[in-house]
């Protein structure tokens, strides 16, 4: 969802900004921002880069998001996906992404959202998961650096290599590895410490391995 936040930010300021400034605003590395900008460019967003002392980047001032850029079915599916996301994730809810889409096409977005809210009630989890807390932040850093992490679970320490998050009916879980593949409910983890130890070997994806995974 950060891609949309960056896009709306660049449209809103309507002026040049540096990669470093964007990294500070969105609390990520400059390397991550460059990857995000590359993705936006691939999606057809005309980002102009300026070199030199007074360099930076901005969206082409002639660019506007077309109201009919998406087909009606695409638009409905997108709003539905955001609606589901806002109901299960605190960070998505706090991003007000649907409200940001309303600034582009308020009438169409509001009508679709109203129909969804009337017909689609989400009752999955008592609490939304919040991937802005330190547990998620440290796991995300470990993902980026391919580092091991030490988990604290019910006053016990467990060192694992984190592979990915898995959203199950029980809630959000961590798929990880140490001698065997495991899946651990994030709600059971009270602390995460990043270890000075990395891994760059082969990994079996969760999709190919879910029937053999040990549940912690």
N, C-alpha and C. Protein backbone atom coordinates (compact mmCIF):
# COMPACT_ATOMS: atom_id res chain seq x y z
N UNK A 1 0.81 -1.21 0.00
CA UNK A 1 0.00 0.00 0.00
C UNK A 1 0.85 1.27 0.00
N UNK A 2 2.14 1.11 0.32
CA UNK A 2 3.01 2.29 0.34
C UNK A 2 3.10 2.94 -1.03
N UNK A 3 2.97 2.13 -2.10
CA UNK A 3 3.03 2.68 -3.46
C UNK A 3 1.97 3.75 -3.66
N UNK A 4 0.74 3.46 -3.21
CA UNK A 4 -0.34 4.43 -3.35
C UNK A 4 -0.07 5.67 -2.51
N UNK A 5 0.47 5.47 -1.31
CA UNK A 5 0.79 6.62 -0.44
C UNK A 5 1.81 7.53 -1.12
N UNK A 6 2.83 6.93 -1.73
CA UNK A 6 3.85 7.71 -2.43
C UNK A 6 3.23 8.44 -3.61
N UNK A 7 2.40 7.73 -4.37
CA UNK A 7 1.75 8.35 -5.54
C UNK A 7 0.91 9.54 -5.13
N UNK A 8 0.06 9.36 -4.12
CA UNK A 8 -0.80 10.47 -3.68
C UNK A 8 0.02 11.61 -3.08
N UNK A 9 1.12 11.29 -2.41
CA UNK A 9 1.97 12.33 -1.86
C UNK A 9 2.59 13.17 -2.97
N UNK A 10 3.11 12.50 -4.00
CA UNK A 10 3.72 13.23 -5.12
C UNK A 10 2.70 14.08 -5.86
N UNK A 11 1.49 13.56 -6.00
CA UNK A 11 0.43 14.34 -6.66
C UNK A 11 0.04 15.55 -5.81
N UNK A 12 0.02 15.35 -4.49
CA UNK A 12 -0.43 16.41 -3.61
C UNK A 12 0.57 17.56 -3.52
N UNK A 13 1.87 17.24 -3.39
CA UNK A 13 2.85 18.32 -3.23
C UNK A 13 3.12 19.04 -4.54
N UNK A 14 2.96 18.33 -5.66
CA UNK A 14 3.10 18.94 -6.99
C UNK A 14 4.41 19.72 -7.13
N UNK A 15 5.50 19.17 -6.60
CA UNK A 15 6.81 19.82 -6.70
C UNK A 15 7.89 18.76 -6.54
N UNK A 16 9.15 19.18 -6.72
CA UNK A 16 10.26 18.23 -6.63
C UNK A 16 10.50 17.79 -5.19
N UNK A 17 10.96 16.53 -5.06
CA UNK A 17 11.33 15.97 -3.77
C UNK A 17 12.48 15.00 -4.02
N UNK A 18 13.33 14.80 -3.04
CA UNK A 18 14.45 13.88 -3.22
C UNK A 18 14.10 12.49 -2.71
N UNK A 19 14.87 11.51 -3.15
CA UNK A 19 14.68 10.13 -2.68
C UNK A 19 14.90 10.07 -1.17
N UNK A 20 15.90 10.81 -0.68
CA UNK A 20 16.19 10.82 0.76
C UNK A 20 15.01 11.37 1.55
N UNK A 21 14.39 12.43 1.03
CA UNK A 21 13.24 13.01 1.73
C UNK A 21 12.07 12.03 1.77
N UNK A 22 11.84 11.33 0.66
CA UNK A 22 10.77 10.33 0.63
C UNK A 22 11.05 9.19 1.62
N UNK A 23 12.32 8.78 1.70
CA UNK A 23 12.69 7.72 2.63
C UNK A 23 12.40 8.14 4.07
N UNK A 24 12.68 9.39 4.40
CA UNK A 24 12.42 9.89 5.75
C UNK A 24 10.92 9.99 6.02
N UNK A 25 10.17 10.45 5.03
CA UNK A 25 8.72 10.61 5.19
C UNK A 25 8.05 9.26 5.42
N UNK A 26 8.47 8.24 4.63
CA UNK A 26 7.81 6.94 4.71
C UNK A 26 8.57 5.94 5.58
N UNK A 27 9.63 6.43 6.24
CA UNK A 27 10.35 5.63 7.24
C UNK A 27 10.88 4.31 6.68
N UNK A 28 11.46 4.39 5.49
CA UNK A 28 12.09 3.22 4.87
C UNK A 28 13.45 3.66 4.32
N UNK A 29 14.21 2.73 3.79
CA UNK A 29 15.52 3.05 3.24
C UNK A 29 15.39 3.70 1.86
N UNK A 30 16.44 4.40 1.43
CA UNK A 30 16.44 4.99 0.09
C UNK A 30 16.38 3.90 -0.98
N UNK A 31 16.97 2.75 -0.66
CA UNK A 31 16.92 1.61 -1.60
C UNK A 31 15.48 1.14 -1.81
N UNK A 32 14.71 1.10 -0.72
CA UNK A 32 13.30 0.70 -0.82
C UNK A 32 12.51 1.72 -1.63
N UNK A 33 12.76 3.01 -1.40
CA UNK A 33 12.07 4.06 -2.15
C UNK A 33 12.36 3.95 -3.64
N UNK A 34 13.62 3.69 -3.98
CA UNK A 34 13.97 3.56 -5.40
C UNK A 34 13.23 2.39 -6.04
N UNK A 35 13.10 1.28 -5.29
CA UNK A 35 12.35 0.13 -5.81
C UNK A 35 10.88 0.51 -6.01
N UNK A 36 10.32 1.25 -5.06
CA UNK A 36 8.93 1.68 -5.18
C UNK A 36 8.73 2.60 -6.38
N UNK A 37 9.66 3.50 -6.60
CA UNK A 37 9.56 4.42 -7.74
C UNK A 37 9.67 3.66 -9.06
N UNK A 38 10.53 2.64 -9.08
CA UNK A 38 10.64 1.80 -10.28
C UNK A 38 9.32 1.10 -10.56
N UNK A 39 8.66 0.61 -9.51
CA UNK A 39 7.37 -0.06 -9.67
C UNK A 39 6.31 0.90 -10.20
N UNK A 40 6.31 2.12 -9.68
CA UNK A 40 5.35 3.12 -10.17
C UNK A 40 5.59 3.44 -11.64
N UNK A 41 6.86 3.53 -12.02
CA UNK A 41 7.20 3.81 -13.42
C UNK A 41 6.72 2.67 -14.32
N UNK A 42 6.91 1.43 -13.85
CA UNK A 42 6.46 0.27 -14.62
C UNK A 42 4.95 0.30 -14.80
N UNK A 43 4.24 0.81 -13.77
CA UNK A 43 2.78 0.89 -13.84
C UNK A 43 2.30 2.05 -14.71
N UNK A 44 3.25 2.82 -15.26
CA UNK A 44 2.88 3.89 -16.18
C UNK A 44 2.80 5.27 -15.58
N UNK A 45 3.23 5.43 -14.31
CA UNK A 45 3.22 6.75 -13.68
C UNK A 45 4.44 7.52 -14.18
N UNK A 46 4.24 8.67 -14.84
CA UNK A 46 5.36 9.41 -15.44
C UNK A 46 6.18 10.20 -14.41
N UNK A 47 7.15 9.54 -13.81
CA UNK A 47 8.01 10.20 -12.83
C UNK A 47 9.24 10.76 -13.54
N UNK A 48 9.51 12.05 -13.33
CA UNK A 48 10.64 12.72 -13.95
C UNK A 48 11.76 12.87 -12.92
N UNK A 49 12.96 12.43 -13.27
CA UNK A 49 14.11 12.52 -12.38
C UNK A 49 15.05 13.63 -12.86
N UNK A 50 15.55 14.44 -11.92
CA UNK A 50 16.48 15.52 -12.23
C UNK A 50 17.81 15.24 -11.55
N UNK A 51 18.89 15.34 -12.29
CA UNK A 51 20.22 15.11 -11.73
C UNK A 51 20.85 16.43 -11.27
N UNK A 52 21.96 16.31 -10.54
CA UNK A 52 22.69 17.50 -10.14
C UNK A 52 22.38 17.95 -8.73
N UNK A 53 22.98 19.08 -8.36
CA UNK A 53 22.85 19.61 -7.00
C UNK A 53 21.40 19.89 -6.64
N UNK A 54 20.65 20.44 -7.59
CA UNK A 54 19.25 20.77 -7.34
C UNK A 54 18.32 19.69 -7.88
N UNK A 55 18.83 18.47 -7.90
CA UNK A 55 18.07 17.37 -8.47
C UNK A 55 16.93 16.91 -7.58
N UNK A 56 16.26 15.88 -8.02
CA UNK A 56 15.11 15.35 -7.30
C UNK A 56 14.21 14.62 -8.27
N UNK A 57 12.97 14.54 -7.91
CA UNK A 57 12.01 13.87 -8.78
C UNK A 57 10.63 14.47 -8.56
N UNK A 58 9.79 14.30 -9.55
CA UNK A 58 8.41 14.75 -9.45
C UNK A 58 7.58 14.03 -10.51
N UNK A 59 6.28 14.03 -10.33
CA UNK A 59 5.39 13.48 -11.35
C UNK A 59 5.17 14.56 -12.40
N UNK A 60 5.18 14.15 -13.65
CA UNK A 60 4.91 15.06 -14.77
C UNK A 60 3.68 15.90 -14.45
N UNK A 61 3.82 17.22 -14.50
CA UNK A 61 2.74 18.13 -14.12
C UNK A 61 1.53 18.01 -15.04
N UNK A 62 1.71 17.41 -16.20
CA UNK A 62 0.58 17.23 -17.12
C UNK A 62 -0.20 15.95 -16.84
N UNK A 63 0.27 15.17 -15.84
CA UNK A 63 -0.35 13.88 -15.56
C UNK A 63 -1.50 14.04 -14.59
N UNK A 64 -2.61 13.39 -14.87
CA UNK A 64 -3.75 13.29 -13.96
C UNK A 64 -4.20 11.84 -13.97
N UNK A 65 -4.76 11.39 -12.86
CA UNK A 65 -5.31 10.04 -12.80
C UNK A 65 -6.67 10.07 -13.47
N UNK A 66 -6.79 9.36 -14.56
CA UNK A 66 -8.05 9.35 -15.30
C UNK A 66 -9.14 8.66 -14.48
N UNK A 67 -10.33 9.25 -14.46
CA UNK A 67 -11.43 8.68 -13.70
C UNK A 67 -11.83 7.31 -14.23
N UNK A 68 -11.64 7.11 -15.51
CA UNK A 68 -12.06 5.85 -16.10
C UNK A 68 -10.85 5.02 -16.52
N UNK A 69 -9.78 5.13 -15.73
CA UNK A 69 -8.58 4.36 -15.99
C UNK A 69 -8.86 2.86 -15.83
N UNK A 70 -9.75 2.53 -14.89
CA UNK A 70 -10.10 1.14 -14.63
C UNK A 70 -11.50 0.84 -15.15
N UNK A 71 -11.68 -0.42 -15.59
CA UNK A 71 -13.02 -0.86 -15.94
C UNK A 71 -13.86 -0.92 -14.68
N UNK A 72 -15.18 -0.90 -14.81
CA UNK A 72 -16.06 -0.90 -13.64
C UNK A 72 -15.81 -2.12 -12.76
N UNK A 73 -15.65 -3.29 -13.38
CA UNK A 73 -15.39 -4.50 -12.59
C UNK A 73 -14.05 -4.42 -11.87
N UNK A 74 -13.02 -3.81 -12.53
CA UNK A 74 -11.71 -3.63 -11.89
C UNK A 74 -11.85 -2.72 -10.68
N UNK A 75 -12.60 -1.65 -10.85
CA UNK A 75 -12.76 -0.66 -9.79
C UNK A 75 -13.47 -1.28 -8.59
N UNK A 76 -14.53 -2.07 -8.86
CA UNK A 76 -15.28 -2.72 -7.78
C UNK A 76 -14.38 -3.69 -7.02
N UNK A 77 -13.59 -4.47 -7.75
CA UNK A 77 -12.70 -5.44 -7.12
C UNK A 77 -11.63 -4.74 -6.28
N UNK A 78 -11.13 -3.60 -6.77
CA UNK A 78 -10.12 -2.86 -6.04
C UNK A 78 -10.68 -2.31 -4.74
N UNK A 79 -11.86 -1.71 -4.79
CA UNK A 79 -12.48 -1.16 -3.58
C UNK A 79 -12.82 -2.28 -2.60
N UNK A 80 -13.29 -3.42 -3.13
CA UNK A 80 -13.58 -4.57 -2.26
C UNK A 80 -12.31 -5.05 -1.55
N UNK A 81 -11.20 -5.12 -2.28
CA UNK A 81 -9.94 -5.55 -1.69
C UNK A 81 -9.49 -4.59 -0.58
N UNK A 82 -9.64 -3.29 -0.83
CA UNK A 82 -9.26 -2.29 0.18
C UNK A 82 -10.20 -2.37 1.39
N UNK A 83 -11.49 -2.61 1.12
CA UNK A 83 -12.48 -2.73 2.20
C UNK A 83 -12.14 -3.92 3.10
N UNK A 84 -11.80 -5.05 2.50
CA UNK A 84 -11.40 -6.22 3.28
C UNK A 84 -10.13 -5.92 4.07
N UNK A 85 -9.16 -5.30 3.38
CA UNK A 85 -7.90 -4.96 4.04
C UNK A 85 -8.10 -4.05 5.24
N UNK A 86 -8.97 -3.06 5.11
CA UNK A 86 -9.20 -2.12 6.21
C UNK A 86 -9.89 -2.78 7.39
N UNK A 87 -10.58 -3.88 7.14
CA UNK A 87 -11.30 -4.58 8.21
C UNK A 87 -10.45 -5.61 8.94
N UNK A 88 -9.29 -5.95 8.39
CA UNK A 88 -8.44 -6.94 9.06
C UNK A 88 -7.07 -6.39 9.46
N UNK A 89 -6.69 -5.25 8.88
CA UNK A 89 -5.35 -4.70 9.17
C UNK A 89 -5.47 -3.27 9.68
N UNK A 90 -4.93 -3.03 10.87
CA UNK A 90 -4.97 -1.67 11.44
C UNK A 90 -4.16 -0.70 10.60
N UNK A 91 -3.01 -1.13 10.08
CA UNK A 91 -2.17 -0.21 9.31
C UNK A 91 -2.85 0.20 8.00
N UNK A 92 -3.57 -0.74 7.36
CA UNK A 92 -4.31 -0.39 6.14
C UNK A 92 -5.46 0.56 6.49
N UNK A 93 -6.16 0.25 7.60
CA UNK A 93 -7.26 1.11 8.04
C UNK A 93 -6.77 2.52 8.33
N UNK A 94 -5.62 2.62 9.00
CA UNK A 94 -5.08 3.93 9.37
C UNK A 94 -4.55 4.70 8.16
N UNK A 95 -4.36 4.01 7.03
CA UNK A 95 -3.87 4.68 5.82
C UNK A 95 -4.97 5.41 5.07
N UNK A 96 -6.24 5.10 5.39
CA UNK A 96 -7.39 5.75 4.74
C UNK A 96 -7.29 5.71 3.22
N UNK A 97 -6.94 4.53 2.70
CA UNK A 97 -6.72 4.42 1.25
C UNK A 97 -8.01 4.62 0.46
N UNK A 98 -9.12 4.11 0.98
CA UNK A 98 -10.39 4.32 0.27
C UNK A 98 -10.71 5.81 0.21
N UNK A 99 -10.47 6.52 1.31
CA UNK A 99 -10.72 7.97 1.31
C UNK A 99 -9.84 8.68 0.28
N UNK A 100 -8.62 8.16 0.08
CA UNK A 100 -7.73 8.75 -0.92
C UNK A 100 -8.26 8.51 -2.32
N UNK A 101 -8.85 7.33 -2.55
CA UNK A 101 -9.46 7.07 -3.85
C UNK A 101 -10.67 7.96 -4.08
N UNK A 102 -11.37 8.31 -3.01
CA UNK A 102 -12.52 9.20 -3.14
C UNK A 102 -12.11 10.58 -3.66
N UNK A 103 -10.87 10.99 -3.36
CA UNK A 103 -10.41 12.29 -3.86
C UNK A 103 -10.23 12.26 -5.37
N UNK A 104 -10.08 11.06 -5.94
CA UNK A 104 -9.93 10.92 -7.39
C UNK A 104 -11.28 10.82 -8.06
N UNK A 105 -12.19 10.03 -7.48
CA UNK A 105 -13.50 9.81 -8.09
C UNK A 105 -14.50 9.54 -6.97
N UNK A 106 -14.92 10.60 -6.28
CA UNK A 106 -15.72 10.47 -5.07
C UNK A 106 -17.05 9.78 -5.31
N UNK A 107 -17.76 10.17 -6.36
CA UNK A 107 -19.11 9.65 -6.59
C UNK A 107 -19.09 8.14 -6.85
N UNK A 108 -18.23 7.72 -7.75
CA UNK A 108 -18.18 6.29 -8.10
C UNK A 108 -17.68 5.46 -6.91
N UNK A 109 -16.65 5.91 -6.25
CA UNK A 109 -16.09 5.18 -5.12
C UNK A 109 -17.10 5.06 -3.98
N UNK A 110 -17.79 6.15 -3.65
CA UNK A 110 -18.76 6.15 -2.56
C UNK A 110 -19.92 5.21 -2.85
N UNK A 111 -20.38 5.18 -4.08
CA UNK A 111 -21.50 4.31 -4.47
C UNK A 111 -21.12 2.84 -4.34
N UNK A 112 -19.93 2.49 -4.85
CA UNK A 112 -19.46 1.10 -4.77
C UNK A 112 -19.26 0.69 -3.32
N UNK A 113 -18.64 1.56 -2.51
CA UNK A 113 -18.38 1.25 -1.11
C UNK A 113 -19.68 1.06 -0.34
N UNK A 114 -20.67 1.89 -0.61
CA UNK A 114 -21.96 1.78 0.06
C UNK A 114 -22.61 0.42 -0.21
N UNK A 115 -22.54 -0.03 -1.46
CA UNK A 115 -23.11 -1.33 -1.82
C UNK A 115 -22.35 -2.47 -1.13
N UNK A 116 -21.03 -2.34 -1.07
CA UNK A 116 -20.21 -3.38 -0.42
C UNK A 116 -20.54 -3.47 1.06
N UNK A 117 -20.64 -2.33 1.73
CA UNK A 117 -20.90 -2.31 3.18
C UNK A 117 -22.27 -2.90 3.51
N UNK A 118 -23.23 -2.74 2.61
CA UNK A 118 -24.57 -3.29 2.83
C UNK A 118 -24.60 -4.80 2.65
N UNK A 119 -23.77 -5.30 1.72
CA UNK A 119 -23.87 -6.70 1.33
C UNK A 119 -22.74 -7.59 1.86
N UNK A 120 -21.70 -7.00 2.43
CA UNK A 120 -20.50 -7.77 2.77
C UNK A 120 -20.03 -7.39 4.17
N UNK A 121 -20.34 -8.23 5.15
CA UNK A 121 -19.90 -8.00 6.53
C UNK A 121 -18.71 -8.91 6.82
N UNK A 122 -17.65 -8.35 7.35
CA UNK A 122 -16.44 -9.12 7.66
C UNK A 122 -16.35 -9.33 9.17
N UNK A 123 -16.34 -10.58 9.58
CA UNK A 123 -16.29 -10.93 11.00
C UNK A 123 -15.25 -12.04 11.18
N UNK A 124 -13.98 -11.71 10.89
CA UNK A 124 -12.92 -12.71 10.94
C UNK A 124 -12.19 -12.74 12.27
N UNK A 125 -11.74 -11.56 12.72
CA UNK A 125 -10.90 -11.50 13.92
C UNK A 125 -11.43 -10.45 14.89
N UNK A 126 -11.22 -10.71 16.19
CA UNK A 126 -11.66 -9.75 17.19
C UNK A 126 -10.85 -8.46 17.10
N UNK A 127 -9.55 -8.61 16.83
CA UNK A 127 -8.67 -7.44 16.73
C UNK A 127 -7.97 -7.44 15.38
N UNK A 128 -7.83 -6.28 14.79
CA UNK A 128 -7.07 -6.14 13.54
C UNK A 128 -5.59 -6.32 13.85
N UNK A 129 -4.86 -6.97 12.94
CA UNK A 129 -3.43 -7.06 13.17
C UNK A 129 -2.77 -5.74 12.78
N UNK A 130 -1.75 -5.38 13.54
CA UNK A 130 -1.10 -4.07 13.38
C UNK A 130 0.35 -4.27 13.00
N UNK A 131 0.63 -4.18 11.68
CA UNK A 131 2.01 -4.42 11.24
C UNK A 131 2.90 -3.20 11.36
N UNK A 132 2.47 -2.24 12.18
CA UNK A 132 3.33 -1.08 12.47
C UNK A 132 4.02 -1.20 13.82
N UNK A 133 3.73 -2.27 14.58
CA UNK A 133 4.40 -2.39 15.88
C UNK A 133 5.80 -2.99 15.71
N UNK A 134 6.56 -3.02 16.80
CA UNK A 134 7.97 -3.40 16.70
C UNK A 134 8.17 -4.86 16.32
N UNK A 135 7.22 -5.71 16.65
CA UNK A 135 7.35 -7.12 16.27
C UNK A 135 7.37 -7.25 14.75
N UNK A 136 6.41 -6.64 14.09
CA UNK A 136 6.37 -6.69 12.63
C UNK A 136 7.55 -5.94 12.00
N UNK A 137 7.90 -4.82 12.59
CA UNK A 137 9.00 -4.02 12.04
C UNK A 137 10.31 -4.81 12.06
N UNK A 138 10.59 -5.51 13.15
CA UNK A 138 11.82 -6.30 13.24
C UNK A 138 11.78 -7.52 12.31
N UNK A 139 10.62 -8.12 12.19
CA UNK A 139 10.49 -9.24 11.24
C UNK A 139 10.72 -8.74 9.82
N UNK A 140 10.17 -7.58 9.49
CA UNK A 140 10.34 -7.02 8.15
C UNK A 140 11.81 -6.71 7.85
N UNK A 141 12.52 -6.20 8.86
CA UNK A 141 13.95 -5.93 8.68
C UNK A 141 14.70 -7.23 8.42
N UNK A 142 14.31 -8.26 9.16
CA UNK A 142 14.94 -9.57 8.96
C UNK A 142 14.64 -10.12 7.57
N UNK A 143 13.41 -9.91 7.08
CA UNK A 143 13.08 -10.30 5.69
C UNK A 143 14.05 -9.64 4.72
N UNK A 144 14.22 -8.31 4.88
CA UNK A 144 15.05 -7.54 3.94
C UNK A 144 16.51 -7.98 4.00
N UNK A 145 17.00 -8.27 5.21
CA UNK A 145 18.41 -8.60 5.38
C UNK A 145 18.70 -10.10 5.38
N UNK A 146 17.65 -10.89 5.22
CA UNK A 146 17.78 -12.37 5.27
C UNK A 146 18.45 -12.81 6.56
N UNK A 147 17.99 -12.21 7.65
CA UNK A 147 18.58 -12.48 8.97
C UNK A 147 17.73 -13.43 9.79
N UNK A 148 18.38 -14.12 10.70
CA UNK A 148 17.67 -14.90 11.70
C UNK A 148 17.10 -13.95 12.75
N UNK A 149 16.07 -14.40 13.44
CA UNK A 149 15.50 -13.63 14.54
C UNK A 149 15.32 -14.53 15.75
N UNK A 150 15.35 -13.92 16.92
CA UNK A 150 15.06 -14.65 18.15
C UNK A 150 13.66 -14.25 18.62
N UNK A 151 12.77 -15.22 18.71
CA UNK A 151 11.40 -14.97 19.14
C UNK A 151 11.25 -15.30 20.62
N UNK A 152 10.43 -14.53 21.29
CA UNK A 152 10.05 -14.88 22.66
C UNK A 152 8.60 -15.33 22.63
N UNK A 153 8.38 -16.60 22.99
CA UNK A 153 7.03 -17.18 22.97
C UNK A 153 6.78 -17.84 24.31
N UNK A 154 5.84 -17.30 25.07
CA UNK A 154 5.50 -17.85 26.38
C UNK A 154 6.74 -18.03 27.24
N UNK A 155 7.55 -16.96 27.30
CA UNK A 155 8.77 -16.90 28.12
C UNK A 155 9.87 -17.87 27.66
N UNK A 156 9.75 -18.37 26.45
CA UNK A 156 10.78 -19.23 25.89
C UNK A 156 11.39 -18.56 24.66
N UNK A 157 12.68 -18.80 24.42
CA UNK A 157 13.38 -18.22 23.28
C UNK A 157 13.46 -19.23 22.15
N UNK A 158 13.25 -18.75 20.92
CA UNK A 158 13.32 -19.62 19.75
C UNK A 158 13.96 -18.84 18.60
N UNK A 159 15.10 -19.32 18.13
CA UNK A 159 15.79 -18.67 17.01
C UNK A 159 15.35 -19.32 15.71
N UNK A 160 14.85 -18.51 14.77
CA UNK A 160 14.34 -19.03 13.50
C UNK A 160 14.74 -18.12 12.36
N UNK A 161 14.63 -18.66 11.15
CA UNK A 161 14.80 -17.84 9.95
C UNK A 161 13.40 -17.54 9.39
N UNK A 162 12.98 -16.27 9.39
CA UNK A 162 11.63 -15.92 8.93
C UNK A 162 11.54 -15.95 7.40
N UNK A 163 10.47 -16.54 6.89
CA UNK A 163 10.31 -16.67 5.44
C UNK A 163 9.22 -15.76 4.91
N UNK A 164 8.02 -15.84 5.52
CA UNK A 164 6.93 -14.99 5.06
C UNK A 164 5.80 -15.00 6.09
N UNK A 165 4.88 -14.05 5.94
CA UNK A 165 3.66 -14.06 6.72
C UNK A 165 2.64 -14.96 6.01
N UNK A 166 1.78 -15.58 6.80
CA UNK A 166 0.69 -16.38 6.24
C UNK A 166 -0.60 -15.97 6.95
N UNK A 167 -1.57 -15.52 6.19
CA UNK A 167 -2.85 -15.13 6.77
C UNK A 167 -3.78 -16.34 6.75
N UNK A 168 -4.07 -16.87 7.94
CA UNK A 168 -4.93 -18.04 8.09
C UNK A 168 -6.22 -17.63 8.81
N UNK A 169 -7.18 -18.54 8.85
CA UNK A 169 -8.44 -18.20 9.51
C UNK A 169 -8.24 -17.91 11.00
N UNK A 170 -7.15 -18.46 11.57
CA UNK A 170 -6.85 -18.22 12.98
C UNK A 170 -6.22 -16.85 13.21
N UNK A 171 -5.75 -16.23 12.15
CA UNK A 171 -5.07 -14.94 12.25
C UNK A 171 -3.76 -14.94 11.47
N UNK A 172 -2.98 -13.88 11.63
CA UNK A 172 -1.72 -13.76 10.90
C UNK A 172 -0.64 -14.61 11.56
N UNK A 173 0.11 -15.36 10.75
CA UNK A 173 1.14 -16.26 11.26
C UNK A 173 2.47 -16.00 10.56
N UNK A 174 3.54 -16.50 11.16
CA UNK A 174 4.88 -16.41 10.58
C UNK A 174 5.32 -17.80 10.15
N UNK A 175 5.67 -17.92 8.87
CA UNK A 175 6.24 -19.16 8.34
C UNK A 175 7.75 -19.02 8.45
N UNK A 176 8.39 -19.98 9.12
CA UNK A 176 9.82 -19.82 9.41
C UNK A 176 10.51 -21.20 9.42
N UNK A 177 11.83 -21.15 9.61
CA UNK A 177 12.61 -22.39 9.52
C UNK A 177 13.74 -22.42 10.55
N UNK A 178 13.89 -23.57 11.17
CA UNK A 178 15.10 -23.91 11.93
C UNK A 178 15.10 -25.43 12.11
N UNK A 179 15.88 -26.09 11.31
CA UNK A 179 15.95 -27.55 11.28
C UNK A 179 14.68 -28.17 10.71
N UNK A 180 13.54 -27.51 10.92
CA UNK A 180 12.28 -27.92 10.32
C UNK A 180 11.44 -26.67 10.06
N UNK A 181 10.47 -26.80 9.18
CA UNK A 181 9.62 -25.66 8.86
C UNK A 181 8.50 -25.56 9.89
N UNK A 182 8.22 -24.33 10.31
CA UNK A 182 7.22 -24.08 11.35
C UNK A 182 6.31 -22.94 10.95
N UNK A 183 5.14 -22.92 11.56
CA UNK A 183 4.26 -21.76 11.43
C UNK A 183 3.81 -21.36 12.83
N UNK A 184 3.96 -20.07 13.12
CA UNK A 184 3.73 -19.57 14.47
C UNK A 184 2.75 -18.40 14.41
N UNK A 185 1.73 -18.44 15.23
CA UNK A 185 0.79 -17.32 15.30
C UNK A 185 1.51 -16.08 15.83
N UNK A 186 1.36 -14.97 15.14
CA UNK A 186 2.00 -13.73 15.58
C UNK A 186 1.51 -13.33 16.96
N UNK A 187 0.29 -13.65 17.29
CA UNK A 187 -0.28 -13.28 18.60
C UNK A 187 0.45 -13.96 19.75
N UNK A 188 1.17 -15.04 19.48
CA UNK A 188 1.92 -15.74 20.53
C UNK A 188 3.30 -15.13 20.76
N UNK A 189 3.74 -14.28 19.84
CA UNK A 189 5.09 -13.71 19.92
C UNK A 189 5.07 -12.43 20.74
N UNK A 190 5.83 -12.39 21.82
CA UNK A 190 5.86 -11.20 22.68
C UNK A 190 7.05 -10.30 22.39
N UNK A 191 8.09 -10.84 21.73
CA UNK A 191 9.25 -10.01 21.42
C UNK A 191 10.03 -10.63 20.26
N UNK A 192 10.69 -9.77 19.48
CA UNK A 192 11.52 -10.21 18.35
C UNK A 192 12.84 -9.47 18.40
N UNK A 193 13.94 -10.22 18.37
CA UNK A 193 15.28 -9.62 18.33
C UNK A 193 15.97 -10.10 17.06
N UNK A 194 16.55 -9.17 16.31
CA UNK A 194 17.26 -9.52 15.08
C UNK A 194 18.64 -10.06 15.43
N UNK A 195 18.98 -11.21 14.88
CA UNK A 195 20.27 -11.85 15.18
C UNK A 195 21.32 -11.46 14.13
N UNK A 196 22.56 -11.51 14.55
CA UNK A 196 23.68 -11.22 13.65
C UNK A 196 24.06 -12.51 12.91
N UNK A 197 23.12 -13.00 12.17
CA UNK A 197 23.28 -14.28 11.49
C UNK A 197 22.33 -14.30 10.31
N UNK A 198 22.83 -14.63 9.13
CA UNK A 198 21.99 -14.58 7.93
C UNK A 198 21.94 -15.94 7.26
N UNK A 199 21.05 -16.03 6.28
CA UNK A 199 20.86 -17.29 5.55
C UNK A 199 20.56 -16.97 4.09
N UNK A 200 21.19 -17.70 3.19
CA UNK A 200 20.97 -17.44 1.77
C UNK A 200 20.84 -18.76 1.01
N UNK A 201 20.35 -19.79 1.69
CA UNK A 201 20.21 -21.10 1.07
C UNK A 201 18.84 -21.31 0.48
N UNK A 202 18.57 -22.51 0.01
CA UNK A 202 17.27 -22.82 -0.60
C UNK A 202 16.16 -22.86 0.45
N UNK A 203 14.97 -22.49 0.01
CA UNK A 203 13.80 -22.46 0.89
C UNK A 203 12.62 -23.11 0.17
N UNK A 204 11.84 -23.90 0.91
CA UNK A 204 10.61 -24.47 0.35
C UNK A 204 9.47 -23.51 0.66
N UNK A 205 8.76 -23.07 -0.34
CA UNK A 205 7.67 -22.12 -0.14
C UNK A 205 6.55 -22.74 0.68
N UNK A 206 5.79 -21.88 1.33
CA UNK A 206 4.69 -22.37 2.17
C UNK A 206 3.67 -23.13 1.34
N UNK A 207 3.39 -22.65 0.14
CA UNK A 207 2.38 -23.29 -0.71
C UNK A 207 2.74 -24.74 -1.02
N UNK A 208 4.02 -25.02 -1.17
CA UNK A 208 4.47 -26.37 -1.51
C UNK A 208 4.71 -27.24 -0.27
N UNK A 209 4.60 -26.62 0.91
CA UNK A 209 5.05 -27.32 2.12
C UNK A 209 4.03 -27.31 3.25
N UNK A 210 2.86 -26.69 3.02
CA UNK A 210 1.94 -26.42 4.13
C UNK A 210 1.42 -27.68 4.83
N UNK A 211 1.38 -28.79 4.14
CA UNK A 211 0.90 -30.03 4.77
C UNK A 211 1.94 -30.66 5.70
N UNK A 212 3.19 -30.20 5.61
CA UNK A 212 4.26 -30.80 6.40
C UNK A 212 4.78 -29.84 7.49
N UNK A 213 4.19 -28.67 7.59
CA UNK A 213 4.68 -27.64 8.51
C UNK A 213 4.27 -27.96 9.94
N UNK A 214 5.20 -27.75 10.88
CA UNK A 214 4.91 -27.91 12.30
C UNK A 214 4.25 -26.66 12.83
N UNK A 215 3.12 -26.81 13.50
CA UNK A 215 2.39 -25.67 14.08
C UNK A 215 2.85 -25.47 15.51
N UNK A 216 3.32 -24.25 15.80
CA UNK A 216 3.81 -23.92 17.14
C UNK A 216 2.68 -23.24 17.94
